[in-house]
Protein backbone atom coordinates (compact mmCIF):
# COMPACT_ATOMS: atom_id res chain seq x y z
CA MET A 1 -11.60 8.23 -11.82
CA LYS A 2 -13.30 7.05 -8.71
CA TRP A 3 -10.81 4.27 -7.56
CA VAL A 4 -7.15 3.98 -7.69
CA LYS A 5 -4.66 1.47 -6.39
CA LEU A 6 -2.82 2.46 -3.12
CA PRO A 7 0.43 3.42 -4.75
CA LYS A 8 -1.36 5.99 -7.08
CA TYR A 9 -3.21 7.48 -4.31
CA CYS A 10 -0.04 7.87 -2.23
CA GLU A 11 1.46 9.61 -5.17
CA LEU A 12 -1.29 11.94 -5.92
CA SER A 13 -2.06 12.85 -2.26
CA GLY A 14 1.35 12.81 -0.61
CA ASP A 15 -0.21 10.33 2.05
CA THR A 16 1.78 7.11 2.94
CA ALA A 17 0.63 3.58 2.97
CA ASN A 18 1.40 3.39 6.55
CA ALA A 19 -1.16 6.43 7.22
CA VAL A 20 -3.72 4.73 4.97
CA HIS A 21 -3.40 1.64 6.80
CA ALA A 22 -3.55 3.30 10.27
CA ARG A 23 -6.88 5.05 9.23
CA ARG A 24 -8.30 1.71 8.11
CA LYS A 25 -7.04 0.05 11.37
CA LYS A 26 -8.76 2.78 13.50
CA GLY A 27 -11.75 2.84 11.63
CA LEU A 28 -11.73 6.24 10.02
CA TRP A 29 -11.68 4.79 6.69
CA LEU A 30 -14.29 2.00 6.04
CA ASP A 31 -13.59 -1.00 3.68
CA GLY A 32 -16.40 -0.74 0.97
CA VAL A 33 -16.64 3.00 1.38
CA HIS A 34 -13.25 4.62 1.47
CA CYS A 35 -11.33 1.57 0.22
CA GLN A 36 -11.53 -2.05 -0.50
CA VAL A 37 -9.15 -5.10 -1.39
CA ARG A 38 -9.78 -6.56 -4.77
CA ASN A 39 -7.06 -9.32 -5.99
CA ASN A 40 -4.56 -8.59 -3.30
CA ASN A 41 -4.71 -4.73 -4.36
CA LEU A 42 -5.72 -2.12 -1.77
CA TRP A 43 -8.03 0.30 -3.78
CA ILE A 44 -8.85 3.85 -2.59
CA ASN A 45 -11.95 5.78 -3.38
CA ILE A 46 -10.86 9.27 -4.02
CA GLU A 47 -14.51 10.70 -3.99
CA ALA A 48 -15.15 9.23 -0.68
CA VAL A 49 -11.85 10.35 0.93
CA GLU A 50 -12.23 13.78 -0.38
CA LYS A 51 -15.66 13.99 1.29
CA TRP A 52 -13.96 12.50 4.47
CA VAL A 53 -11.50 15.46 4.30
CA GLU A 54 -13.93 18.13 3.65
CA ASN A 55 -16.16 16.69 6.80
CA GLY A 56 -13.00 16.86 8.94
CA LEU A 57 -12.16 20.37 7.89
CA LEU A 58 -15.84 21.47 8.59
CA SER A 59 -15.89 20.05 12.03
CA SER A 60 -12.64 21.76 12.89
CA ARG A 61 -14.15 24.94 11.84
CA LYS A 62 -17.03 24.65 14.08
CA ALA A 63 -14.89 24.08 17.28
């Protein structure tokens, strides 16, 4: 499954809804890539988020 609603994402990842909203507000997660709003629900793209995490881990290892 590629897209899940915010509550399910939080359940699976251990992230909080506030953390997700903060990433969107800071521009770390982009609407249409990492997340999107449909019918007043925030959907999270698990595949894109996993790539975001992996890229962050790779960047921190290079430093």
